[in-house]
C-alpha cells in the first residue's frame, strides 16, 4: 500500500510518501500561509525522490482540523481531486493527533486566536478529548490530564516537545479514518468554547 500524507492545516507543511507504513520520501517544513504556493512543488519533488508517479499512490491521508481556514482547505482540495480523478482512497487524521503522534499520554494546544486554544488529550494516537479552551483554563486542563505537551506551549509560558511530523504520520497511518464519500469531506472547524471534563 502506497500512502501519501499531506498536512497543511497549521504552520507546518507535511508531504510524506509511505509504502506499507514505511517512510520512502518526505519533507516537513514551516510554510505558514505559503502552503498553496509550495505544496505541489514539494509533492513533485518527493515523488521524484521516491521514484513514484502520482498514479502509483493508493491512498491520500490528510489532516482535517483544527487549523487555519485556508490551510485546511489546501490539502483537502488536493485530497478531493485525487480521490475523485485519481481514484485514490481518502482517509483523515486530526491535526491534534498529528502533533502528538503515538505518544502514550499527550496534550496538544494550538492558538485558536481571541485568547483561546485548540486543546486535545491524545493517548497512543487516539483522541480522548478535544475542544476550545480560554487560555486561563489551560493550566487546569493540563493538571487534569498530565502528559507530554505538544504544540504551542509558549501561549501559556511553557515549553512544548517538538513534533517530528514525518515520524508522527508514520506512527498514525493505521489510525486514519476512511472517508466513504469524498464529496462530503469538510474541515473540522472547532468554534465553541468548552470546559475540560476529565
N, C-alpha and C. Protein backbone atom coordinates (compact mmCIF):
# COMPACT_ATOMS: atom_id res chain seq x y z
N UNK A 1 0.84 -1.19 0.00
CA UNK A 1 0.00 0.00 0.00
C UNK A 1 0.88 1.25 0.00
N UNK A 2 0.70 2.09 -0.99
CA UNK A 2 1.46 3.33 -1.08
C UNK A 2 0.58 4.48 -0.63
N UNK A 3 1.05 5.19 0.40
CA UNK A 3 0.26 6.25 1.02
C UNK A 3 0.94 7.60 0.86
N UNK A 4 0.13 8.60 0.56
CA UNK A 4 0.58 9.99 0.53
C UNK A 4 -0.07 10.70 1.71
N UNK A 5 0.74 11.27 2.59
CA UNK A 5 0.21 12.00 3.74
C UNK A 5 0.49 13.48 3.55
N UNK A 6 -0.57 14.29 3.66
CA UNK A 6 -0.46 15.74 3.49
C UNK A 6 -1.01 16.45 4.71
N UNK A 7 -0.30 17.46 5.16
CA UNK A 7 -0.80 18.31 6.24
C UNK A 7 -0.46 19.75 5.93
N UNK A 8 -1.50 20.56 5.78
CA UNK A 8 -1.32 22.00 5.56
C UNK A 8 -2.20 22.78 6.54
N UNK A 9 -2.65 22.12 7.60
CA UNK A 9 -3.67 22.71 8.47
C UNK A 9 -3.19 23.89 9.28
N UNK A 10 -1.90 23.90 9.63
CA UNK A 10 -1.43 24.94 10.53
C UNK A 10 -0.12 25.50 9.99
N UNK A 11 0.86 25.75 10.83
CA UNK A 11 2.09 26.42 10.39
C UNK A 11 3.05 25.50 9.66
N UNK A 12 2.94 24.20 9.90
CA UNK A 12 3.83 23.24 9.26
C UNK A 12 3.19 22.71 7.99
N UNK A 13 4.02 22.33 7.03
CA UNK A 13 3.53 21.64 5.84
C UNK A 13 4.24 20.30 5.73
N UNK A 14 3.46 19.26 5.64
CA UNK A 14 3.99 17.90 5.57
C UNK A 14 3.61 17.26 4.25
N UNK A 15 4.60 16.68 3.59
CA UNK A 15 4.37 15.83 2.41
C UNK A 15 5.17 14.55 2.66
N UNK A 16 4.47 13.45 2.88
CA UNK A 16 5.15 12.20 3.17
C UNK A 16 4.67 11.07 2.28
N UNK A 17 5.61 10.29 1.79
CA UNK A 17 5.29 9.11 0.98
C UNK A 17 5.70 7.87 1.76
N UNK A 18 4.75 6.97 1.95
CA UNK A 18 4.98 5.77 2.76
C UNK A 18 4.54 4.54 1.98
N UNK A 19 5.32 3.48 2.10
CA UNK A 19 4.93 2.21 1.49
C UNK A 19 4.82 1.17 2.57
N UNK A 20 3.60 0.63 2.73
CA UNK A 20 3.31 -0.34 3.80
C UNK A 20 3.76 0.20 5.16
N UNK A 21 3.50 1.48 5.37
CA UNK A 21 3.79 2.11 6.64
C UNK A 21 5.23 2.54 6.84
N UNK A 22 6.07 2.38 5.83
CA UNK A 22 7.49 2.75 5.93
C UNK A 22 7.74 4.02 5.14
N UNK A 23 8.44 4.98 5.73
CA UNK A 23 8.73 6.24 5.05
C UNK A 23 9.67 5.99 3.87
N UNK A 24 9.27 6.45 2.69
CA UNK A 24 10.07 6.34 1.48
C UNK A 24 10.71 7.69 1.14
N UNK A 25 9.93 8.74 1.24
CA UNK A 25 10.43 10.09 0.97
C UNK A 25 9.47 11.08 1.61
N UNK A 26 9.99 12.23 1.99
CA UNK A 26 9.09 13.21 2.58
C UNK A 26 9.80 14.44 3.06
N UNK A 27 9.02 15.46 3.35
CA UNK A 27 9.56 16.69 3.90
C UNK A 27 8.57 17.29 4.87
N UNK A 28 9.12 18.01 5.83
CA UNK A 28 8.31 18.70 6.82
C UNK A 28 8.96 20.06 7.03
N UNK A 29 8.20 21.12 6.81
CA UNK A 29 8.78 22.45 6.90
C UNK A 29 7.73 23.47 7.30
N UNK A 30 8.19 24.54 7.95
CA UNK A 30 7.26 25.62 8.27
C UNK A 30 6.95 26.38 6.99
N UNK A 31 5.65 26.54 6.72
CA UNK A 31 5.24 27.21 5.48
C UNK A 31 3.94 27.95 5.70
N UNK A 32 3.81 28.59 6.87
CA UNK A 32 2.56 29.26 7.23
C UNK A 32 2.16 30.28 6.17
N UNK A 33 0.95 30.11 5.66
CA UNK A 33 0.37 30.98 4.63
C UNK A 33 1.10 30.88 3.29
N UNK A 34 1.96 29.87 3.14
CA UNK A 34 2.65 29.66 1.86
C UNK A 34 2.37 28.27 1.29
N UNK A 35 1.46 27.53 1.98
CA UNK A 35 1.24 26.14 1.57
C UNK A 35 0.71 26.04 0.14
N UNK A 36 -0.17 26.97 -0.24
CA UNK A 36 -0.75 26.88 -1.58
C UNK A 36 0.31 27.08 -2.66
N UNK A 37 1.35 27.84 -2.35
CA UNK A 37 2.41 28.09 -3.33
C UNK A 37 3.40 26.93 -3.42
N UNK A 38 3.56 26.22 -2.32
CA UNK A 38 4.65 25.24 -2.24
C UNK A 38 4.22 23.78 -2.20
N UNK A 39 2.94 23.49 -1.92
CA UNK A 39 2.53 22.10 -1.73
C UNK A 39 2.82 21.24 -2.95
N UNK A 40 2.38 21.66 -4.11
CA UNK A 40 2.50 20.80 -5.29
C UNK A 40 3.93 20.75 -5.82
N UNK A 41 4.67 21.83 -5.59
CA UNK A 41 6.10 21.81 -5.94
C UNK A 41 6.81 20.76 -5.08
N UNK A 42 6.48 20.75 -3.79
CA UNK A 42 7.11 19.80 -2.86
C UNK A 42 6.65 18.38 -3.14
N UNK A 43 5.38 18.21 -3.49
CA UNK A 43 4.87 16.87 -3.82
C UNK A 43 5.60 16.31 -5.03
N UNK A 44 5.78 17.12 -6.05
CA UNK A 44 6.50 16.68 -7.25
C UNK A 44 7.92 16.26 -6.89
N UNK A 45 8.57 17.06 -6.05
CA UNK A 45 9.94 16.77 -5.63
C UNK A 45 10.03 15.45 -4.88
N UNK A 46 9.10 15.19 -3.98
CA UNK A 46 9.14 13.96 -3.19
C UNK A 46 8.79 12.73 -4.03
N UNK A 47 7.87 12.89 -4.97
CA UNK A 47 7.56 11.77 -5.88
C UNK A 47 8.79 11.40 -6.70
N UNK A 48 9.51 12.39 -7.18
CA UNK A 48 10.73 12.13 -7.96
C UNK A 48 11.78 11.44 -7.09
N UNK A 49 11.90 11.89 -5.84
CA UNK A 49 12.87 11.28 -4.95
C UNK A 49 12.54 9.83 -4.66
N UNK A 50 11.26 9.52 -4.56
CA UNK A 50 10.83 8.14 -4.29
C UNK A 50 10.83 7.28 -5.55
N UNK A 51 10.88 7.92 -6.71
CA UNK A 51 10.79 7.17 -7.96
C UNK A 51 9.37 6.73 -8.25
N UNK A 52 8.40 7.48 -7.71
CA UNK A 52 6.98 7.16 -7.92
C UNK A 52 6.37 8.14 -8.91
N UNK A 53 5.28 7.68 -9.52
CA UNK A 53 4.38 8.57 -10.25
C UNK A 53 3.15 8.77 -9.38
N UNK A 54 2.46 9.86 -9.58
CA UNK A 54 1.30 10.13 -8.74
C UNK A 54 0.28 9.01 -8.82
N UNK A 55 0.14 8.42 -9.99
CA UNK A 55 -0.84 7.34 -10.15
C UNK A 55 -0.44 6.06 -9.42
N UNK A 56 0.80 6.00 -8.91
CA UNK A 56 1.22 4.84 -8.12
C UNK A 56 0.61 4.87 -6.71
N UNK A 57 0.18 6.04 -6.28
CA UNK A 57 -0.32 6.20 -4.91
C UNK A 57 -1.69 5.55 -4.76
N UNK A 58 -1.86 4.75 -3.71
CA UNK A 58 -3.12 4.06 -3.45
C UNK A 58 -4.08 4.87 -2.60
N UNK A 59 -3.54 5.68 -1.70
CA UNK A 59 -4.40 6.44 -0.80
C UNK A 59 -3.73 7.75 -0.41
N UNK A 60 -4.57 8.72 -0.07
CA UNK A 60 -4.08 10.00 0.44
C UNK A 60 -4.69 10.21 1.83
N UNK A 61 -3.84 10.59 2.77
CA UNK A 61 -4.27 10.84 4.14
C UNK A 61 -4.00 12.30 4.45
N UNK A 62 -5.01 13.01 4.94
CA UNK A 62 -4.84 14.43 5.25
C UNK A 62 -5.30 14.70 6.68
N UNK A 63 -4.86 15.84 7.21
CA UNK A 63 -5.40 16.31 8.48
C UNK A 63 -6.63 17.16 8.16
N UNK A 64 -7.70 16.96 8.94
CA UNK A 64 -8.96 17.66 8.65
C UNK A 64 -9.29 18.74 9.69
N UNK A 65 -8.35 19.04 10.59
CA UNK A 65 -8.59 20.12 11.53
C UNK A 65 -8.34 19.68 12.97
N UNK A 66 -8.27 20.66 13.85
CA UNK A 66 -8.47 22.08 13.62
C UNK A 66 -7.26 22.73 12.96
N UNK A 67 -7.44 23.97 12.53
CA UNK A 67 -6.35 24.68 11.90
C UNK A 67 -6.84 25.96 11.27
N UNK A 68 -6.03 26.54 10.40
CA UNK A 68 -6.43 27.78 9.74
C UNK A 68 -7.42 27.45 8.62
N UNK A 69 -8.33 28.37 8.40
CA UNK A 69 -9.39 28.16 7.41
C UNK A 69 -8.80 27.83 6.04
N UNK A 70 -7.86 28.65 5.60
CA UNK A 70 -7.27 28.45 4.27
C UNK A 70 -6.37 27.22 4.26
N UNK A 71 -5.55 27.07 5.29
CA UNK A 71 -4.62 25.95 5.32
C UNK A 71 -5.32 24.61 5.23
N UNK A 72 -6.41 24.44 5.97
CA UNK A 72 -7.15 23.18 5.94
C UNK A 72 -7.66 22.86 4.54
N UNK A 73 -8.09 23.87 3.85
CA UNK A 73 -8.72 23.64 2.55
C UNK A 73 -7.72 23.30 1.45
N UNK A 74 -6.46 23.63 1.64
CA UNK A 74 -5.46 23.34 0.61
C UNK A 74 -5.27 21.83 0.45
N UNK A 75 -4.94 21.14 1.56
CA UNK A 75 -4.77 19.69 1.49
C UNK A 75 -6.09 18.99 1.19
N UNK A 76 -7.20 19.57 1.71
CA UNK A 76 -8.50 18.94 1.48
C UNK A 76 -8.89 18.99 0.01
N UNK A 77 -8.61 20.11 -0.64
CA UNK A 77 -8.90 20.22 -2.07
C UNK A 77 -8.06 19.22 -2.86
N UNK A 78 -6.78 19.10 -2.49
CA UNK A 78 -5.92 18.11 -3.15
C UNK A 78 -6.46 16.71 -2.97
N UNK A 79 -6.91 16.39 -1.76
CA UNK A 79 -7.44 15.05 -1.48
C UNK A 79 -8.70 14.78 -2.29
N UNK A 80 -9.54 15.79 -2.41
CA UNK A 80 -10.78 15.61 -3.19
C UNK A 80 -10.47 15.36 -4.67
N UNK A 81 -9.50 16.09 -5.19
CA UNK A 81 -9.12 15.89 -6.60
C UNK A 81 -8.54 14.49 -6.79
N UNK A 82 -7.63 14.10 -5.91
CA UNK A 82 -7.00 12.78 -6.03
C UNK A 82 -8.01 11.66 -5.78
N UNK A 83 -8.95 11.90 -4.88
CA UNK A 83 -9.94 10.88 -4.57
C UNK A 83 -10.96 10.66 -5.67
N UNK A 84 -11.28 11.72 -6.41
CA UNK A 84 -12.26 11.59 -7.48
C UNK A 84 -11.61 11.30 -8.82
N UNK A 85 -10.63 12.10 -9.21
CA UNK A 85 -9.99 11.91 -10.51
C UNK A 85 -8.93 10.82 -10.48
N UNK A 86 -8.22 10.72 -9.34
CA UNK A 86 -7.16 9.73 -9.25
C UNK A 86 -7.61 8.40 -8.68
N UNK A 87 -8.89 8.36 -8.25
CA UNK A 87 -9.49 7.13 -7.71
C UNK A 87 -8.74 6.59 -6.49
N UNK A 88 -8.11 7.49 -5.74
CA UNK A 88 -7.40 7.07 -4.53
C UNK A 88 -8.37 7.02 -3.36
N UNK A 89 -8.08 6.13 -2.42
CA UNK A 89 -8.81 6.15 -1.16
C UNK A 89 -8.39 7.40 -0.40
N UNK A 90 -9.31 7.96 0.38
CA UNK A 90 -9.00 9.14 1.19
C UNK A 90 -9.29 8.81 2.65
N UNK A 91 -8.34 9.16 3.51
CA UNK A 91 -8.53 8.98 4.95
C UNK A 91 -8.07 10.24 5.67
N UNK A 92 -8.50 10.39 6.92
CA UNK A 92 -8.17 11.62 7.65
C UNK A 92 -7.64 11.32 9.06
N UNK A 93 -6.85 12.27 9.53
CA UNK A 93 -6.39 12.35 10.92
C UNK A 93 -6.71 13.75 11.40
N UNK A 94 -6.81 13.93 12.70
CA UNK A 94 -6.95 15.29 13.20
C UNK A 94 -5.58 15.93 13.31
N UNK A 95 -5.55 17.25 13.25
CA UNK A 95 -4.29 17.98 13.43
C UNK A 95 -3.69 17.69 14.80
N UNK A 96 -4.55 17.56 15.81
CA UNK A 96 -4.09 17.30 17.17
C UNK A 96 -3.42 15.93 17.25
N UNK A 97 -3.99 14.94 16.57
CA UNK A 97 -3.36 13.61 16.53
C UNK A 97 -1.96 13.70 15.93
N UNK A 98 -1.83 14.43 14.83
CA UNK A 98 -0.54 14.51 14.15
C UNK A 98 0.52 15.14 15.04
N UNK A 99 0.14 16.16 15.80
CA UNK A 99 1.11 16.79 16.70
C UNK A 99 1.59 15.83 17.77
N UNK A 100 0.69 15.01 18.30
CA UNK A 100 1.04 14.11 19.41
C UNK A 100 1.64 12.80 18.96
N UNK A 101 1.36 12.38 17.74
CA UNK A 101 1.85 11.09 17.26
C UNK A 101 1.33 9.95 18.12
N UNK A 102 2.18 8.98 18.39
CA UNK A 102 1.78 7.80 19.16
C UNK A 102 2.19 7.90 20.62
N UNK A 103 2.47 9.11 21.09
CA UNK A 103 2.83 9.30 22.49
C UNK A 103 1.76 8.66 23.38
N UNK A 104 2.15 7.87 24.39
CA UNK A 104 1.16 7.20 25.24
C UNK A 104 0.21 8.15 25.95
N UNK A 105 0.70 9.33 26.32
CA UNK A 105 -0.14 10.29 27.04
C UNK A 105 0.31 11.70 26.68
N UNK A 106 -0.50 12.40 25.90
CA UNK A 106 -0.08 13.69 25.37
C UNK A 106 -1.20 14.71 25.44
N UNK A 107 -0.80 15.96 25.51
CA UNK A 107 -1.71 17.10 25.40
C UNK A 107 -1.20 17.99 24.28
N UNK A 108 -2.12 18.54 23.52
CA UNK A 108 -1.76 19.43 22.42
C UNK A 108 -2.53 20.73 22.58
N UNK A 109 -1.84 21.85 22.43
CA UNK A 109 -2.53 23.14 22.37
C UNK A 109 -2.02 23.92 21.17
N UNK A 110 -2.96 24.54 20.45
CA UNK A 110 -2.65 25.37 19.29
C UNK A 110 -3.46 26.65 19.40
N UNK A 111 -2.92 27.72 18.90
CA UNK A 111 -3.55 29.03 19.00
C UNK A 111 -4.87 29.06 18.23
N UNK A 112 -5.97 29.35 18.93
CA UNK A 112 -7.27 29.49 18.29
C UNK A 112 -7.69 30.95 18.19
N UNK A 113 -6.76 31.86 18.51
CA UNK A 113 -6.99 33.30 18.48
C UNK A 113 -7.99 33.72 19.56
N UNK A 114 -8.06 35.01 19.79
CA UNK A 114 -9.02 35.54 20.74
C UNK A 114 -8.81 35.07 22.17
N UNK A 115 -7.55 34.78 22.56
CA UNK A 115 -7.30 34.32 23.92
C UNK A 115 -7.78 32.90 24.18
N UNK A 116 -7.83 32.11 23.12
CA UNK A 116 -8.29 30.72 23.26
C UNK A 116 -7.30 29.77 22.57
N UNK A 117 -7.40 28.49 22.91
CA UNK A 117 -6.57 27.48 22.27
C UNK A 117 -7.42 26.30 21.83
N UNK A 118 -7.00 25.67 20.75
CA UNK A 118 -7.49 24.33 20.44
C UNK A 118 -6.72 23.40 21.37
N UNK A 119 -7.42 22.54 22.07
CA UNK A 119 -6.76 21.65 23.02
C UNK A 119 -7.23 20.22 22.81
N UNK A 120 -6.33 19.28 23.07
CA UNK A 120 -6.70 17.88 22.93
C UNK A 120 -5.89 16.99 23.83
N UNK A 121 -6.53 15.95 24.33
CA UNK A 121 -5.85 14.86 25.04
C UNK A 121 -5.72 13.71 24.05
N UNK A 122 -4.53 13.23 23.85
CA UNK A 122 -4.27 12.15 22.90
C UNK A 122 -3.54 11.04 23.64
N UNK A 123 -4.04 9.82 23.53
CA UNK A 123 -3.39 8.67 24.15
C UNK A 123 -3.13 7.61 23.09
N UNK A 124 -1.86 7.28 22.91
CA UNK A 124 -1.47 6.27 21.91
C UNK A 124 -2.05 6.58 20.53
N UNK A 125 -2.04 7.86 20.19
CA UNK A 125 -2.51 8.27 18.87
C UNK A 125 -4.00 8.48 18.74
N UNK A 126 -4.76 8.20 19.78
CA UNK A 126 -6.22 8.32 19.71
C UNK A 126 -6.70 9.50 20.54
N UNK A 127 -7.65 10.23 19.98
CA UNK A 127 -8.21 11.37 20.70
C UNK A 127 -9.10 10.92 21.85
N UNK A 128 -8.80 11.41 23.03
CA UNK A 128 -9.61 11.13 24.21
C UNK A 128 -10.60 12.28 24.43
N UNK A 129 -10.13 13.48 24.18
CA UNK A 129 -10.97 14.68 24.32
C UNK A 129 -10.36 15.79 23.49
N UNK A 130 -11.23 16.67 22.94
CA UNK A 130 -10.74 17.86 22.26
C UNK A 130 -11.79 18.96 22.37
N UNK A 131 -11.31 20.19 22.34
CA UNK A 131 -12.21 21.32 22.43
C UNK A 131 -11.44 22.62 22.33
N UNK A 132 -12.15 23.73 22.52
CA UNK A 132 -11.51 25.04 22.56
C UNK A 132 -11.61 25.55 23.99
N UNK A 133 -10.47 25.99 24.52
CA UNK A 133 -10.42 26.46 25.90
C UNK A 133 -9.91 27.90 25.95
N UNK A 134 -10.44 28.70 26.88
CA UNK A 134 -9.81 30.00 27.14
C UNK A 134 -8.43 29.76 27.73
N UNK A 135 -7.50 30.66 27.45
CA UNK A 135 -6.14 30.50 27.94
C UNK A 135 -6.08 30.30 29.45
N UNK A 136 -6.97 30.95 30.19
CA UNK A 136 -6.93 30.85 31.65
C UNK A 136 -7.35 29.48 32.17
N UNK A 137 -7.92 28.63 31.30
CA UNK A 137 -8.31 27.29 31.74
C UNK A 137 -7.30 26.21 31.34
N UNK A 138 -6.27 26.60 30.61
CA UNK A 138 -5.35 25.59 30.08
C UNK A 138 -4.56 24.90 31.19
N UNK A 139 -4.14 25.64 32.21
CA UNK A 139 -3.41 25.01 33.32
C UNK A 139 -4.26 23.95 34.01
N UNK A 140 -5.54 24.23 34.19
CA UNK A 140 -6.46 23.26 34.80
C UNK A 140 -6.58 22.02 33.92
N UNK A 141 -6.68 22.24 32.64
CA UNK A 141 -6.75 21.15 31.67
C UNK A 141 -5.50 20.26 31.74
N UNK A 142 -4.32 20.90 31.78
CA UNK A 142 -3.07 20.13 31.83
C UNK A 142 -2.92 19.40 33.16
N UNK A 143 -3.37 20.00 34.24
CA UNK A 143 -3.28 19.36 35.55
C UNK A 143 -4.19 18.14 35.64
N UNK A 144 -5.31 18.20 34.94
CA UNK A 144 -6.27 17.10 34.99
C UNK A 144 -5.84 15.92 34.12
N UNK A 145 -4.95 16.19 33.19
CA UNK A 145 -4.51 15.13 32.27
C UNK A 145 -3.01 15.27 32.06
N UNK A 146 -2.20 14.91 33.05
CA UNK A 146 -0.75 15.06 32.91
C UNK A 146 -0.22 14.26 31.72
N UNK A 147 0.68 14.84 30.98
CA UNK A 147 1.27 14.17 29.84
C UNK A 147 2.22 15.09 29.11
N UNK A 148 2.83 14.61 28.07
CA UNK A 148 3.76 15.41 27.27
C UNK A 148 2.99 16.51 26.55
N UNK A 149 3.52 17.72 26.60
CA UNK A 149 2.87 18.84 25.94
C UNK A 149 3.47 19.05 24.55
N UNK A 150 2.59 19.14 23.55
CA UNK A 150 2.98 19.41 22.17
C UNK A 150 2.26 20.66 21.67
N UNK A 151 2.76 21.23 20.62
CA UNK A 151 2.09 22.37 20.01
C UNK A 151 2.74 23.67 20.41
N UNK A 152 1.92 24.62 20.81
CA UNK A 152 2.39 25.98 21.06
C UNK A 152 2.36 26.30 22.56
N UNK A 153 3.27 25.69 23.28
CA UNK A 153 3.36 25.88 24.72
C UNK A 153 3.66 27.31 25.11
N UNK A 154 4.29 28.06 24.21
CA UNK A 154 4.62 29.44 24.52
C UNK A 154 3.38 30.29 24.80
N UNK A 155 2.23 29.82 24.35
CA UNK A 155 0.98 30.55 24.61
C UNK A 155 0.69 30.65 26.11
N UNK A 156 1.20 29.67 26.87
CA UNK A 156 0.98 29.66 28.32
C UNK A 156 2.29 29.69 29.08
N UNK A 157 3.36 30.09 28.40
CA UNK A 157 4.65 30.21 29.07
C UNK A 157 5.31 28.88 29.39
N UNK A 158 4.99 27.84 28.63
CA UNK A 158 5.59 26.52 28.84
C UNK A 158 6.29 26.07 27.57
N UNK A 159 7.27 25.19 27.72
CA UNK A 159 7.93 24.65 26.54
C UNK A 159 7.23 23.36 26.13
N UNK A 160 7.05 23.20 24.84
CA UNK A 160 6.40 22.01 24.29
C UNK A 160 7.42 21.16 23.56
N UNK A 161 7.21 19.86 23.55
CA UNK A 161 8.11 18.96 22.84
C UNK A 161 7.91 19.13 21.34
N UNK A 162 8.98 19.30 20.58
CA UNK A 162 8.83 19.42 19.13
C UNK A 162 8.26 18.14 18.52
N UNK A 163 7.48 18.29 17.48
CA UNK A 163 6.91 17.14 16.79
C UNK A 163 7.75 16.79 15.57
N UNK A 164 8.10 15.52 15.43
CA UNK A 164 8.70 15.01 14.20
C UNK A 164 7.52 14.56 13.34
N UNK A 165 7.06 15.45 12.46
CA UNK A 165 5.81 15.20 11.74
C UNK A 165 5.88 13.98 10.82
N UNK A 166 7.01 13.74 10.19
CA UNK A 166 7.13 12.56 9.32
C UNK A 166 7.01 11.27 10.12
N UNK A 167 7.68 11.22 11.28
CA UNK A 167 7.60 10.04 12.13
C UNK A 167 6.22 9.90 12.74
N UNK A 168 5.63 11.02 13.10
CA UNK A 168 4.29 11.01 13.68
C UNK A 168 3.27 10.46 12.69
N UNK A 169 3.34 10.93 11.46
CA UNK A 169 2.43 10.43 10.42
C UNK A 169 2.61 8.93 10.21
N UNK A 170 3.85 8.49 10.19
CA UNK A 170 4.12 7.06 10.03
C UNK A 170 3.47 6.24 11.13
N UNK A 171 3.56 6.74 12.38
CA UNK A 171 3.00 6.01 13.51
C UNK A 171 1.48 5.97 13.49
N UNK A 172 0.85 6.91 12.79
CA UNK A 172 -0.60 7.04 12.83
C UNK A 172 -1.33 6.51 11.60
N UNK A 173 -0.60 6.05 10.61
CA UNK A 173 -1.23 5.64 9.35
C UNK A 173 -2.39 4.67 9.57
N UNK A 174 -2.21 3.69 10.43
CA UNK A 174 -3.27 2.69 10.65
C UNK A 174 -4.48 3.27 11.37
N UNK A 175 -4.33 4.43 12.00
CA UNK A 175 -5.43 5.03 12.75
C UNK A 175 -6.24 6.04 11.92
N UNK A 176 -5.78 6.33 10.71
CA UNK A 176 -6.50 7.29 9.87
C UNK A 176 -7.90 6.76 9.55
N UNK A 177 -8.87 7.67 9.58
CA UNK A 177 -10.27 7.31 9.39
C UNK A 177 -10.64 7.35 7.91
N UNK A 178 -11.30 6.31 7.39
CA UNK A 178 -11.68 6.31 5.98
C UNK A 178 -12.80 7.31 5.69
N UNK A 179 -12.74 7.93 4.53
CA UNK A 179 -13.80 8.82 4.06
C UNK A 179 -14.59 8.05 3.02
N UNK A 180 -15.85 7.77 3.34
CA UNK A 180 -16.67 6.95 2.44
C UNK A 180 -17.05 7.69 1.16
N UNK A 181 -17.38 8.98 1.29
CA UNK A 181 -17.77 9.79 0.14
C UNK A 181 -16.93 11.06 0.14
N UNK A 182 -15.95 11.11 -0.74
CA UNK A 182 -15.01 12.23 -0.74
C UNK A 182 -15.70 13.56 -1.01
N UNK A 183 -16.86 13.54 -1.67
CA UNK A 183 -17.59 14.78 -1.95
C UNK A 183 -18.14 15.42 -0.68
N UNK A 184 -18.29 14.63 0.37
CA UNK A 184 -18.83 15.16 1.63
C UNK A 184 -17.72 15.58 2.60
N UNK A 185 -16.48 15.45 2.19
CA UNK A 185 -15.35 15.77 3.07
C UNK A 185 -15.29 17.26 3.34
N UNK A 186 -15.33 17.64 4.62
CA UNK A 186 -15.25 19.04 5.01
C UNK A 186 -14.31 19.17 6.19
N UNK A 187 -13.69 20.34 6.36
CA UNK A 187 -12.81 20.54 7.51
C UNK A 187 -13.57 20.48 8.82
N UNK A 188 -12.90 20.07 9.87
CA UNK A 188 -13.48 20.06 11.22
C UNK A 188 -13.13 21.41 11.85
N UNK A 189 -14.13 22.28 11.88
CA UNK A 189 -13.92 23.59 12.50
C UNK A 189 -14.44 23.53 13.93
N UNK A 190 -13.58 23.85 14.86
CA UNK A 190 -13.96 23.90 16.27
C UNK A 190 -14.17 25.36 16.61
N UNK A 191 -15.39 25.74 16.95
CA UNK A 191 -15.71 27.15 17.16
C UNK A 191 -16.11 27.47 18.60
N UNK A 192 -16.86 26.58 19.20
CA UNK A 192 -17.41 26.87 20.52
C UNK A 192 -16.43 26.53 21.62
N UNK A 193 -16.35 27.41 22.62
CA UNK A 193 -15.51 27.13 23.78
C UNK A 193 -16.10 25.98 24.58
N UNK A 194 -15.24 25.20 25.22
CA UNK A 194 -15.68 24.06 26.02
C UNK A 194 -14.93 24.07 27.34
N UNK A 195 -15.45 23.31 28.27
CA UNK A 195 -14.75 23.15 29.55
C UNK A 195 -14.25 21.73 29.60
N UNK A 196 -12.99 21.56 29.97
CA UNK A 196 -12.43 20.22 30.03
C UNK A 196 -13.03 19.44 31.17
N UNK A 197 -13.58 18.29 30.85
CA UNK A 197 -14.16 17.41 31.86
C UNK A 197 -13.37 16.11 31.89
N UNK A 198 -12.51 15.90 32.87
CA UNK A 198 -11.67 14.71 32.89
C UNK A 198 -12.50 13.44 33.10
